[in-house]
Structures are given as structure tokens and as C-alpha cells.
């Protein structure tokens, strides 16, 4: 089963039973494909390490290493000291 996430700018696709990678990412307006994509599901199954990008949390920076999620404060180590951020991820 494919899972497609879409907004006005991008469309991403995951196939959870094969792994946790985004296997396609398109810029909607230009049609630009931002990832190397398998030709079909069999190719993805045969060479999963060659396609997609892992979904990692948290991407980018978290100000002061803190955020709220469902009313609960979550804290992460501040590792970008000069900017007082938690820094992680690929985005």
C-alpha cells in the first residue's frame, strides 16, 4: 500500500511495508522529481538501499531545544550552542 502526502507545493510517497523511506518526492508546480525513484515496486524490493530518503525526526532546528506536542513539553539537547537550537535531520 502506498501512502501519499500532498500539499500545494510537494507530493511525497512512502511504501511502509517495504521500509520507512520517502520513495518519491515531487515539486508540484514544476514536476521536478527530487529523489532517485525505482521504476517499480519490485526494483524497490530488490534494491531498497538505492532509493528514497529516511523519515527522521526532528528535521532541521528546534528553537531552544524545546517544543510542545499534544500539550506535553519535549526537550532535546541544545547542540547548536551559538543559536541555542537542537539541530538534526536532513531537511
PDB file of N, CA and C in Angstrom:
ATOM      1  N   UNK A   1       0.838  -1.183   0.000  1.00  0.00           N
ATOM      2  CA  UNK A   1       0.000   0.000   0.000  1.00  0.00           C
ATOM      3  C   UNK A   1       0.879   1.241   0.000  1.00  0.00           C
ATOM      4  N   UNK A   2       0.625   2.141  -0.905  1.00  0.00           N
ATOM      5  CA  UNK A   2       1.337   3.405  -0.980  1.00  0.00           C
ATOM      6  C   UNK A   2       0.635   4.430  -0.099  1.00  0.00           C
ATOM      7  N   UNK A   3       1.426   5.266   0.554  1.00  0.00           N
ATOM      8  CA  UNK A   3       0.904   6.386   1.319  1.00  0.00           C
ATOM      9  C   UNK A   3       1.400   7.645   0.627  1.00  0.00           C
ATOM     10  N   UNK A   4       0.473   8.501   0.213  1.00  0.00           N
ATOM     11  CA  UNK A   4       0.829   9.735  -0.483  1.00  0.00           C
ATOM     12  C   UNK A   4       0.477  10.913   0.413  1.00  0.00           C
ATOM     13  N   UNK A   5       1.450  11.789   0.614  1.00  0.00           N
ATOM     14  CA  UNK A   5       1.269  13.030   1.365  1.00  0.00           C
ATOM     15  C   UNK A   5       1.435  14.175   0.379  1.00  0.00           C
ATOM     16  N   UNK A   6       0.519  15.142   0.440  1.00  0.00           N
ATOM     17  CA  UNK A   6       0.497  16.158  -0.603  1.00  0.00           C
ATOM     18  C   UNK A   6       0.049  17.488  -0.023  1.00  0.00           C
ATOM     19  N   UNK A   7       0.686  18.572  -0.474  1.00  0.00           N
ATOM     20  CA  UNK A   7       0.185  19.907  -0.193  1.00  0.00           C
ATOM     21  C   UNK A   7       0.257  20.705  -1.492  1.00  0.00           C
ATOM     22  N   UNK A   8       0.129  22.019  -1.418  1.00  0.00           N
ATOM     23  CA  UNK A   8       0.133  22.828  -2.637  1.00  0.00           C
ATOM     24  C   UNK A   8       1.480  22.821  -3.352  1.00  0.00           C
ATOM     25  N   UNK A   9       2.546  22.435  -2.651  1.00  0.00           N
ATOM     26  CA  UNK A   9       3.890  22.553  -3.212  1.00  0.00           C
ATOM     27  C   UNK A   9       4.558  21.219  -3.544  1.00  0.00           C
ATOM     28  N   UNK A  10       4.359  20.219  -2.693  1.00  0.00           N
ATOM     29  CA  UNK A  10       5.079  18.956  -2.840  1.00  0.00           C
ATOM     30  C   UNK A  10       4.145  17.758  -2.717  1.00  0.00           C
ATOM     31  N   UNK A  11       4.579  16.645  -3.290  1.00  0.00           N
ATOM     32  CA  UNK A  11       3.918  15.357  -3.103  1.00  0.00           C
ATOM     33  C   UNK A  11       4.990  14.335  -2.756  1.00  0.00           C
ATOM     34  N   UNK A  12       4.781  13.609  -1.660  1.00  0.00           N
ATOM     35  CA  UNK A  12       5.715  12.571  -1.214  1.00  0.00           C
ATOM     36  C   UNK A  12       4.983  11.243  -1.164  1.00  0.00           C
ATOM     37  N   UNK A  13       5.722  10.157  -1.417  1.00  0.00           N
ATOM     38  CA  UNK A  13       5.129   8.823  -1.349  1.00  0.00           C
ATOM     39  C   UNK A  13       6.013   7.911  -0.513  1.00  0.00           C
ATOM     40  N   UNK A  14       5.370   7.128   0.352  1.00  0.00           N
ATOM     41  CA  UNK A  14       6.023   6.098   1.150  1.00  0.00           C
ATOM     42  C   UNK A  14       5.348   4.771   0.856  1.00  0.00           C
ATOM     43  N   UNK A  15       6.086   3.683   1.036  1.00  0.00           N
ATOM     44  CA  UNK A  15       5.512   2.336   0.944  1.00  0.00           C
ATOM     45  C   UNK A  15       5.931   1.622   2.229  1.00  0.00           C
ATOM     46  N   UNK A  16       5.157   1.793   3.320  1.00  0.00           N
ATOM     47  CA  UNK A  16       5.574   1.333   4.647  1.00  0.00           C
ATOM     48  C   UNK A  16       5.952  -0.137   4.749  1.00  0.00           C
ATOM     49  N   UNK A  17       5.305  -1.022   3.990  1.00  0.00           N
ATOM     50  CA  UNK A  17       5.650  -2.439   4.124  1.00  0.00           C
ATOM     51  C   UNK A  17       7.034  -2.760   3.560  1.00  0.00           C
ATOM     52  N   UNK A  18       7.626  -1.831   2.815  1.00  0.00           N
ATOM     53  CA  UNK A  18       8.979  -2.038   2.287  1.00  0.00           C
ATOM     54  C   UNK A  18      10.012  -1.280   3.117  1.00  0.00           C
ATOM     55  N   UNK A  19       9.581  -0.317   3.898  1.00  0.00           N
ATOM     56  CA  UNK A  19      10.522   0.425   4.734  1.00  0.00           C
ATOM     57  C   UNK A  19       9.997   1.803   5.069  1.00  0.00           C
ATOM     58  N   UNK A  20      10.803   2.556   5.792  1.00  0.00           N
ATOM     59  CA  UNK A  20      10.390   3.870   6.274  1.00  0.00           C
ATOM     60  C   UNK A  20      10.912   5.028   5.455  1.00  0.00           C
ATOM     61  N   UNK A  21      11.268   4.781   4.199  1.00  0.00           N
ATOM     62  CA  UNK A  21      11.793   5.847   3.353  1.00  0.00           C
ATOM     63  C   UNK A  21      10.698   6.527   2.548  1.00  0.00           C
ATOM     64  N   UNK A  22      10.876   7.828   2.324  1.00  0.00           N
ATOM     65  CA  UNK A  22      10.100   8.507   1.297  1.00  0.00           C
ATOM     66  C   UNK A  22      10.710   8.052  -0.017  1.00  0.00           C
ATOM     67  N   UNK A  23       9.944   7.385  -0.868  1.00  0.00           N
ATOM     68  CA  UNK A  23      10.498   6.826  -2.106  1.00  0.00           C
ATOM     69  C   UNK A  23      10.290   7.730  -3.316  1.00  0.00           C
ATOM     70  N   UNK A  24       9.434   8.732  -3.189  1.00  0.00           N
ATOM     71  CA  UNK A  24       9.350   9.743  -4.242  1.00  0.00           C
ATOM     72  C   UNK A  24       8.966  11.072  -3.612  1.00  0.00           C
ATOM     73  N   UNK A  25       9.517  12.125  -4.181  1.00  0.00           N
ATOM     74  CA  UNK A  25       9.227  13.483  -3.726  1.00  0.00           C
ATOM     75  C   UNK A  25       9.234  14.376  -4.959  1.00  0.00           C
ATOM     76  N   UNK A  26       8.083  14.994  -5.239  1.00  0.00           N
ATOM     77  CA  UNK A  26       7.922  15.826  -6.442  1.00  0.00           C
ATOM     78  C   UNK A  26       7.564  17.243  -6.031  1.00  0.00           C
ATOM     79  N   UNK A  27       8.126  18.203  -6.734  1.00  0.00           N
ATOM     80  CA  UNK A  27       7.680  19.587  -6.631  1.00  0.00           C
ATOM     81  C   UNK A  27       6.466  19.710  -7.554  1.00  0.00           C
ATOM     82  N   UNK A  28       5.328  20.077  -6.995  1.00  0.00           N
ATOM     83  CA  UNK A  28       4.061  20.039  -7.729  1.00  0.00           C
ATOM     84  C   UNK A  28       4.049  20.957  -8.957  1.00  0.00           C
ATOM     85  N   UNK A  29       4.456  22.205  -8.780  1.00  0.00           N
ATOM     86  CA  UNK A  29       4.326  23.180  -9.864  1.00  0.00           C
ATOM     87  C   UNK A  29       5.227  22.854 -11.057  1.00  0.00           C
ATOM     88  N   UNK A  30       6.478  22.516 -10.777  1.00  0.00           N
ATOM     89  CA  UNK A  30       7.428  22.275 -11.869  1.00  0.00           C
ATOM     90  C   UNK A  30       7.453  20.822 -12.335  1.00  0.00           C
ATOM     91  N   UNK A  31       6.932  19.910 -11.493  1.00  0.00           N
ATOM     92  CA  UNK A  31       7.012  18.489 -11.810  1.00  0.00           C
ATOM     93  C   UNK A  31       8.384  17.883 -11.551  1.00  0.00           C
ATOM     94  N   UNK A  32       9.273  18.649 -10.930  1.00  0.00           N
ATOM     95  CA  UNK A  32      10.634  18.183 -10.659  1.00  0.00           C
ATOM     96  C   UNK A  32      10.618  17.036  -9.665  1.00  0.00           C
ATOM     97  N   UNK A  33      11.312  15.962 -10.009  1.00  0.00           N
ATOM     98  CA  UNK A  33      11.480  14.817  -9.114  1.00  0.00           C
ATOM     99  C   UNK A  33      12.745  15.064  -8.301  1.00  0.00           C
ATOM    100  N   UNK A  34      12.626  15.049  -6.987  1.00  0.00           N
ATOM    101  CA  UNK A  34      13.735  15.414  -6.115  1.00  0.00           C
ATOM    102  C   UNK A  34      14.525  14.223  -5.594  1.00  0.00           C
ATOM    103  N   UNK A  35      14.051  13.016  -5.830  1.00  0.00           N
ATOM    104  CA  UNK A  35      14.738  11.805  -5.391  1.00  0.00           C
ATOM    105  C   UNK A  35      14.877  10.834  -6.556  1.00  0.00           C
ATOM    106  N   UNK A  36      15.887   9.993  -6.469  1.00  0.00           N
ATOM    107  CA  UNK A  36      16.001   8.886  -7.426  1.00  0.00           C
ATOM    108  C   UNK A  36      14.890   7.895  -7.094  1.00  0.00           C
ATOM    109  N   UNK A  37      14.089   7.542  -8.078  1.00  0.00           N
ATOM    110  CA  UNK A  37      12.925   6.692  -7.838  1.00  0.00           C
ATOM    111  C   UNK A  37      13.083   5.340  -8.519  1.00  0.00           C
ATOM    112  N   UNK A  38      12.571   4.283  -7.894  1.00  0.00           N
ATOM    113  CA  UNK A  38      12.584   2.976  -8.558  1.00  0.00           C
ATOM    114  C   UNK A  38      11.579   2.966  -9.702  1.00  0.00           C
ATOM    115  N   UNK A  39      11.845   2.128 -10.695  1.00  0.00           N
ATOM    116  CA  UNK A  39      10.919   2.004 -11.825  1.00  0.00           C
ATOM    117  C   UNK A  39       9.611   1.346 -11.398  1.00  0.00           C
ATOM    118  N   UNK A  40       9.698   0.463 -10.378  1.00  0.00           N
ATOM    119  CA  UNK A  40       8.511  -0.255  -9.907  1.00  0.00           C
ATOM    120  C   UNK A  40       8.791  -0.812  -8.509  1.00  0.00           C
ATOM    121  N   UNK A  41       7.787  -1.390  -7.903  1.00  0.00           N
ATOM    122  CA  UNK A  41       7.908  -1.915  -6.537  1.00  0.00           C
ATOM    123  C   UNK A  41       8.912  -3.064  -6.469  1.00  0.00           C
ATOM    124  N   UNK A  42       8.981  -3.893  -7.496  1.00  0.00           N
ATOM    125  CA  UNK A  42       9.950  -4.997  -7.498  1.00  0.00           C
ATOM    126  C   UNK A  42      11.384  -4.480  -7.444  1.00  0.00           C
ATOM    127  N   UNK A  43      11.665  -3.407  -8.168  1.00  0.00           N
ATOM    128  CA  UNK A  43      13.008  -2.816  -8.120  1.00  0.00           C
ATOM    129  C   UNK A  43      13.295  -2.270  -6.720  1.00  0.00           C
ATOM    130  N   UNK A  44      12.307  -1.646  -6.099  1.00  0.00           N
ATOM    131  CA  UNK A  44      12.475  -1.147  -4.732  1.00  0.00           C
ATOM    132  C   UNK A  44      12.743  -2.299  -3.769  1.00  0.00           C
ATOM    133  N   UNK A  45      12.010  -3.388  -3.900  1.00  0.00           N
ATOM    134  CA  UNK A  45      12.232  -4.559  -3.037  1.00  0.00           C
ATOM    135  C   UNK A  45      13.625  -5.158  -3.251  1.00  0.00           C
ATOM    136  N   UNK A  46      14.108  -5.163  -4.486  1.00  0.00           N
ATOM    137  CA  UNK A  46      15.409  -5.754  -4.801  1.00  0.00           C
ATOM    138  C   UNK A  46      16.579  -4.888  -4.336  1.00  0.00           C
ATOM    139  N   UNK A  47      16.408  -3.573  -4.367  1.00  0.00           N
ATOM    140  CA  UNK A  47      17.499  -2.655  -4.038  1.00  0.00           C
ATOM    141  C   UNK A  47      17.002  -1.514  -3.142  1.00  0.00           C
ATOM    142  N   UNK A  48      16.459  -1.812  -1.957  1.00  0.00           N
ATOM    143  CA  UNK A  48      15.856  -0.763  -1.136  1.00  0.00           C
ATOM    144  C   UNK A  48      16.848   0.320  -0.704  1.00  0.00           C
ATOM    145  N   UNK A  49      18.122  -0.042  -0.583  1.00  0.00           N
ATOM    146  CA  UNK A  49      19.123   0.928  -0.134  1.00  0.00           C
ATOM    147  C   UNK A  49      19.452   1.971  -1.207  1.00  0.00           C
ATOM    148  N   UNK A  50      19.006   1.769  -2.427  1.00  0.00           N
ATOM    149  CA  UNK A  50      19.328   2.692  -3.518  1.00  0.00           C
ATOM    150  C   UNK A  50      18.291   3.792  -3.712  1.00  0.00           C
ATOM    151  N   UNK A  51      17.172   3.697  -3.019  1.00  0.00           N
ATOM    152  CA  UNK A  51      16.089   4.628  -3.291  1.00  0.00           C
ATOM    153  C   UNK A  51      15.575   5.271  -2.014  1.00  0.00           C
ATOM    154  N   UNK A  52      15.116   6.503  -2.168  1.00  0.00           N
ATOM    155  CA  UNK A  52      14.427   7.184  -1.093  1.00  0.00           C
ATOM    156  C   UNK A  52      15.341   7.828  -0.082  1.00  0.00           C
ATOM    157  N   UNK A  53      14.686   8.387   0.914  1.00  0.00           N
ATOM    158  CA  UNK A  53      15.365   9.076   1.998  1.00  0.00           C
ATOM    159  C   UNK A  53      14.594   8.777   3.280  1.00  0.00           C
ATOM    160  N   UNK A  54      15.294   8.470   4.381  1.00  0.00           N
ATOM    161  CA  UNK A  54      14.588   8.124   5.616  1.00  0.00           C
ATOM    162  C   UNK A  54      13.811   9.307   6.190  1.00  0.00           C
ATOM    163  N   UNK A  55      12.696   8.997   6.796  1.00  0.00           N
ATOM    164  CA  UNK A  55      11.926   9.992   7.529  1.00  0.00           C
ATOM    165  C   UNK A  55      12.509  10.025   8.937  1.00  0.00           C
ATOM    166  N   UNK A  56      13.181  11.114   9.254  1.00  0.00           N
ATOM    167  CA  UNK A  56      13.831  11.243  10.559  1.00  0.00           C
ATOM    168  C   UNK A  56      13.199  12.383  11.335  1.00  0.00           C
ATOM    169  N   UNK A  57      13.071  12.193  12.618  1.00  0.00           N
ATOM    170  CA  UNK A  57      12.553  13.247  13.488  1.00  0.00           C
ATOM    171  C   UNK A  57      13.665  13.661  14.426  1.00  0.00           C
ATOM    172  N   UNK A  58      13.793  14.895  14.718  1.00  0.00           N
ATOM    173  CA  UNK A  58      13.172  16.054  14.086  1.00  0.00           C
ATOM    174  C   UNK A  58      14.056  16.589  12.973  1.00  0.00           C
ATOM    175  N   UNK A  59      13.485  17.065  11.892  1.00  0.00           N
ATOM    176  CA  UNK A  59      14.306  17.682  10.866  1.00  0.00           C
ATOM    177  C   UNK A  59      14.655  19.115  11.256  1.00  0.00           C
ATOM    178  N   UNK A  60      15.805  19.562  10.776  1.00  0.00           N
ATOM    179  CA  UNK A  60      16.189  20.961  10.889  1.00  0.00           C
ATOM    180  C   UNK A  60      16.505  21.369  12.325  1.00  0.00           C
ATOM    181  N   UNK A  61      15.982  22.498  12.764  1.00  0.00           N
ATOM    182  CA  UNK A  61      16.332  23.064  14.066  1.00  0.00           C
ATOM    183  C   UNK A  61      15.094  23.167  14.957  1.00  0.00           C
ATOM    184  N   UNK A  62      15.305  22.952  16.246  1.00  0.00           N
ATOM    185  CA  UNK A  62      14.255  23.146  17.243  1.00  0.00           C
ATOM    186  C   UNK A  62      14.745  24.255  18.170  1.00  0.00           C
ATOM    187  N   UNK A  63      14.071  25.400  18.149  1.00  0.00           N
ATOM    188  CA  UNK A  63      14.480  26.557  18.945  1.00  0.00           C
ATOM    189  C   UNK A  63      14.531  26.210  20.425  1.00  0.00           C
ATOM    190  N   UNK A  64      15.636  26.548  21.046  1.00  0.00           N
ATOM    191  CA  UNK A  64      15.861  26.305  22.476  1.00  0.00           C
ATOM    192  C   UNK A  64      15.766  24.834  22.853  1.00  0.00           C
ATOM    193  N   UNK A  65      15.737  23.944  21.873  1.00  0.00           N
ATOM    194  CA  UNK A  65      15.683  22.511  22.149  1.00  0.00           C
ATOM    195  C   UNK A  65      14.378  22.059  22.783  1.00  0.00           C
ATOM    196  N   UNK A  66      13.311  22.848  22.619  1.00  0.00           N
ATOM    197  CA  UNK A  66      12.029  22.511  23.247  1.00  0.00           C
ATOM    198  C   UNK A  66      10.877  22.724  22.281  1.00  0.00           C
ATOM    199  N   UNK A  67       9.854  21.883  22.403  1.00  0.00           N
ATOM    200  CA  UNK A  67       8.621  22.077  21.647  1.00  0.00           C
ATOM    201  C   UNK A  67       7.488  21.401  22.410  1.00  0.00           C
ATOM    202  N   UNK A  68       6.264  21.785  22.093  1.00  0.00           N
ATOM    203  CA  UNK A  68       5.078  21.171  22.692  1.00  0.00           C
ATOM    204  C   UNK A  68       4.478  20.185  21.706  1.00  0.00           C
ATOM    205  N   UNK A  69       4.083  19.022  22.215  1.00  0.00           N
ATOM    206  CA  UNK A  69       3.379  18.036  21.407  1.00  0.00           C
ATOM    207  C   UNK A  69       2.238  17.492  22.239  1.00  0.00           C
ATOM    208  N   UNK A  70       1.018  17.710  21.761  1.00  0.00           N
ATOM    209  CA  UNK A  70      -0.187  17.276  22.464  1.00  0.00           C
ATOM    210  C   UNK A  70      -0.168  17.717  23.921  1.00  0.00           C
ATOM    211  N   UNK A  71       0.225  18.984  24.131  1.00  0.00           N
ATOM    212  CA  UNK A  71       0.219  19.564  25.461  1.00  0.00           C
ATOM    213  C   UNK A  71       1.390  19.177  26.347  1.00  0.00           C
ATOM    214  N   UNK A  72       2.295  18.373  25.843  1.00  0.00           N
ATOM    215  CA  UNK A  72       3.450  17.920  26.627  1.00  0.00           C
ATOM    216  C   UNK A  72       4.717  18.574  26.087  1.00  0.00           C
ATOM    217  N   UNK A  73       5.534  19.130  26.993  1.00  0.00           N
ATOM    218  CA  UNK A  73       6.792  19.734  26.562  1.00  0.00           C
ATOM    219  C   UNK A  73       7.841  18.648  26.345  1.00  0.00           C
ATOM    220  N   UNK A  74       8.461  18.681  25.185  1.00  0.00           N
ATOM    221  CA  UNK A  74       9.543  17.751  24.857  1.00  0.00           C
ATOM    222  C   UNK A  74      10.829  18.552  24.791  1.00  0.00           C
ATOM    223  N   UNK A  75      11.888  18.010  25.377  1.00  0.00           N
ATOM    224  CA  UNK A  75      13.184  18.695  25.394  1.00  0.00           C
ATOM    225  C   UNK A  75      14.235  17.844  24.708  1.00  0.00           C
ATOM    226  N   UNK A  76      15.053  18.518  23.924  1.00  0.00           N
ATOM    227  CA  UNK A  76      16.167  17.890  23.226  1.00  0.00           C
ATOM    228  C   UNK A  76      17.435  18.666  23.578  1.00  0.00           C
ATOM    229  N   UNK A  77      18.598  18.031  23.508  1.00  0.00           N
ATOM    230  CA  UNK A  77      19.823  18.744  23.854  1.00  0.00           C
ATOM    231  C   UNK A  77      20.101  19.893  22.874  1.00  0.00           C
ATOM    232  N   UNK A  78      20.515  21.026  23.409  1.00  0.00           N
ATOM    233  CA  UNK A  78      20.918  22.156  22.576  1.00  0.00           C
ATOM    234  C   UNK A  78      22.328  21.860  22.087  1.00  0.00           C
ATOM    235  N   UNK A  79      22.462  21.558  20.798  1.00  0.00           N
ATOM    236  CA  UNK A  79      23.766  21.194  20.249  1.00  0.00           C
ATOM    237  C   UNK A  79      24.253  22.174  19.185  1.00  0.00           C
ATOM    238  N   UNK A  80      23.498  23.197  18.912  1.00  0.00           N
ATOM    239  CA  UNK A  80      23.946  24.327  18.104  1.00  0.00           C
ATOM    240  C   UNK A  80      23.976  25.514  19.066  1.00  0.00           C
ATOM    241  N   UNK A  81      25.046  25.555  19.843  1.00  0.00           N
ATOM    242  CA  UNK A  81      25.138  26.448  21.002  1.00  0.00           C
ATOM    243  C   UNK A  81      24.944  27.914  20.626  1.00  0.00           C
ATOM    244  N   UNK A  82      25.622  28.391  19.583  1.00  0.00           N
ATOM    245  CA  UNK A  82      25.569  29.810  19.224  1.00  0.00           C
ATOM    246  C   UNK A  82      24.147  30.282  18.935  1.00  0.00           C
ATOM    247  N   UNK A  83      23.314  29.406  18.386  1.00  0.00           N
ATOM    248  CA  UNK A  83      21.942  29.772  18.035  1.00  0.00           C
ATOM    249  C   UNK A  83      20.916  29.244  19.041  1.00  0.00           C
ATOM    250  N   UNK A  84      21.373  28.517  20.036  1.00  0.00           N
ATOM    251  CA  UNK A  84      20.528  27.925  21.080  1.00  0.00           C
ATOM    252  C   UNK A  84      19.460  26.995  20.490  1.00  0.00           C
ATOM    253  N   UNK A  85      19.853  26.147  19.552  1.00  0.00           N
ATOM    254  CA  UNK A  85      18.934  25.216  18.898  1.00  0.00           C
ATOM    255  C   UNK A  85      19.371  23.778  19.106  1.00  0.00           C
ATOM    256  N   UNK A  86      18.399  22.882  18.995  1.00  0.00           N
ATOM    257  CA  UNK A  86      18.725  21.478  18.753  1.00  0.00           C
ATOM    258  C   UNK A  86      18.749  21.339  17.238  1.00  0.00           C
ATOM    259  N   UNK A  87      19.807  20.749  16.702  1.00  0.00           N
ATOM    260  CA  UNK A  87      19.986  20.634  15.261  1.00  0.00           C
ATOM    261  C   UNK A  87      20.075  19.168  14.878  1.00  0.00           C
ATOM    262  N   UNK A  88      19.238  18.750  13.900  1.00  0.00           N
ATOM    263  CA  UNK A  88      19.245  17.359  13.458  1.00  0.00           C
ATOM    264  C   UNK A  88      18.516  17.237  12.136  1.00  0.00           C
ATOM    265  N   UNK A  89      18.803  16.198  11.407  1.00  0.00           N
ATOM    266  CA  UNK A  89      17.990  15.836  10.257  1.00  0.00           C
ATOM    267  C   UNK A  89      18.586  16.191   8.921  1.00  0.00           C
ATOM    268  N   UNK A  90      17.802  15.963   7.882  1.00  0.00           N
ATOM    269  CA  UNK A  90      18.263  16.112   6.512  1.00  0.00           C
ATOM    270  C   UNK A  90      17.576  17.236   5.767  1.00  0.00           C
ATOM    271  N   UNK A  91      16.574  17.849   6.361  1.00  0.00           N
ATOM    272  CA  UNK A  91      15.825  18.887   5.650  1.00  0.00           C
ATOM    273  C   UNK A  91      16.471  20.227   5.901  1.00  0.00           C
TER     274      UNK A  91
END
